[in-house]
């Protein structure tokens, strides 16, 4: 499964990630950049006095591969 991992700088200069599990995996850098800028402009994600998505930094797809070690028995 691919996850879109958006990285932002918070208003306190920390790093915060927003992970989207069901995002389109063919997005262009321009589309993602605009979406991140739009998300930052909303100022919806806050914790106390800290804006968690103050400034877009980076975006990447993260692909998770599961390798079973022990399979659950069939019921």
Protein backbone atom coordinates (compact mmCIF):
# COMPACT_ATOMS: atom_id res chain seq x y z
CA UNK A 1 0.00 0.00 0.00
CA UNK A 2 1.26 3.51 -0.83
CA UNK A 3 0.87 6.38 1.60
CA UNK A 4 1.33 10.04 0.70
CA UNK A 5 3.52 11.58 3.43
CA UNK A 6 3.33 15.39 3.55
CA UNK A 7 5.98 17.13 5.65
CA UNK A 8 5.37 20.57 7.13
CA UNK A 9 7.25 22.95 9.40
CA UNK A 10 5.18 24.02 12.41
CA UNK A 11 4.95 27.57 13.68
CA UNK A 12 7.47 26.55 16.40
CA UNK A 13 9.97 25.29 13.76
CA UNK A 14 9.31 21.61 14.43
CA UNK A 15 8.57 19.01 11.74
CA UNK A 16 5.05 17.57 11.42
CA UNK A 17 3.84 14.85 9.04
CA UNK A 18 0.37 14.41 7.56
CA UNK A 19 -0.08 10.92 6.13
CA UNK A 20 -2.83 10.16 3.61
CA UNK A 21 -3.46 6.43 3.15
CA UNK A 22 -5.82 6.49 0.15
CA UNK A 23 -4.28 9.22 -1.99
CA UNK A 24 -3.92 9.02 -5.76
CA UNK A 25 -0.42 7.70 -6.52
CA UNK A 26 -0.06 9.63 -9.79
CA UNK A 27 -0.12 13.19 -8.46
CA UNK A 28 2.22 15.75 -10.01
CA UNK A 29 4.57 17.87 -7.90
CA UNK A 30 2.56 20.96 -8.89
CA UNK A 31 -0.73 19.46 -7.65
CA UNK A 32 0.77 18.29 -4.36
CA UNK A 33 2.55 21.62 -3.82
CA UNK A 34 -0.67 23.59 -4.35
CA UNK A 35 -2.64 21.24 -2.08
CA UNK A 36 -0.04 21.61 0.66
CA UNK A 37 -0.07 25.41 0.33
CA UNK A 38 -3.87 25.41 0.47
CA UNK A 39 -3.82 23.17 3.55
CA UNK A 40 -1.31 25.45 5.29
CA UNK A 41 -3.44 28.51 4.47
CA UNK A 42 -6.47 27.05 6.27
CA UNK A 43 -4.71 27.07 9.68
CA UNK A 44 -7.02 24.23 10.76
CA UNK A 45 -4.38 22.00 12.34
CA UNK A 46 -3.36 23.51 15.67
CA UNK A 47 -2.27 22.19 19.03
CA UNK A 48 -2.32 24.80 21.74
CA UNK A 49 -0.74 27.89 20.17
CA UNK A 50 1.19 25.88 17.56
CA UNK A 51 0.12 25.74 13.91
CA UNK A 52 1.08 22.19 12.89
CA UNK A 53 1.10 22.82 9.12
CA UNK A 54 2.51 26.35 8.93
CA UNK A 55 4.92 25.82 6.00
CA UNK A 56 5.08 23.02 3.40
CA UNK A 57 8.50 21.33 3.27
CA UNK A 58 8.35 18.07 1.32
CA UNK A 59 6.12 15.25 0.08
CA UNK A 60 6.79 11.63 -0.75
CA UNK A 61 5.08 8.34 -1.36
CA UNK A 62 5.90 5.62 1.16
CA UNK A 63 5.23 2.07 0.08
CA UNK A 64 4.66 -0.54 2.78
CA UNK A 65 5.41 -4.17 2.05
CA UNK A 66 4.11 -6.79 4.46
CA UNK A 67 5.99 -10.06 4.89
CA UNK A 68 4.02 -12.57 7.00
CA UNK A 69 6.04 -14.63 9.46
CA UNK A 70 3.19 -16.68 10.96
CA UNK A 71 -0.15 -16.89 9.21
CA UNK A 72 -3.36 -16.94 11.20
CA UNK A 73 -5.26 -20.23 10.94
CA UNK A 74 -8.38 -20.24 8.77
CA UNK A 75 -11.57 -20.15 10.83
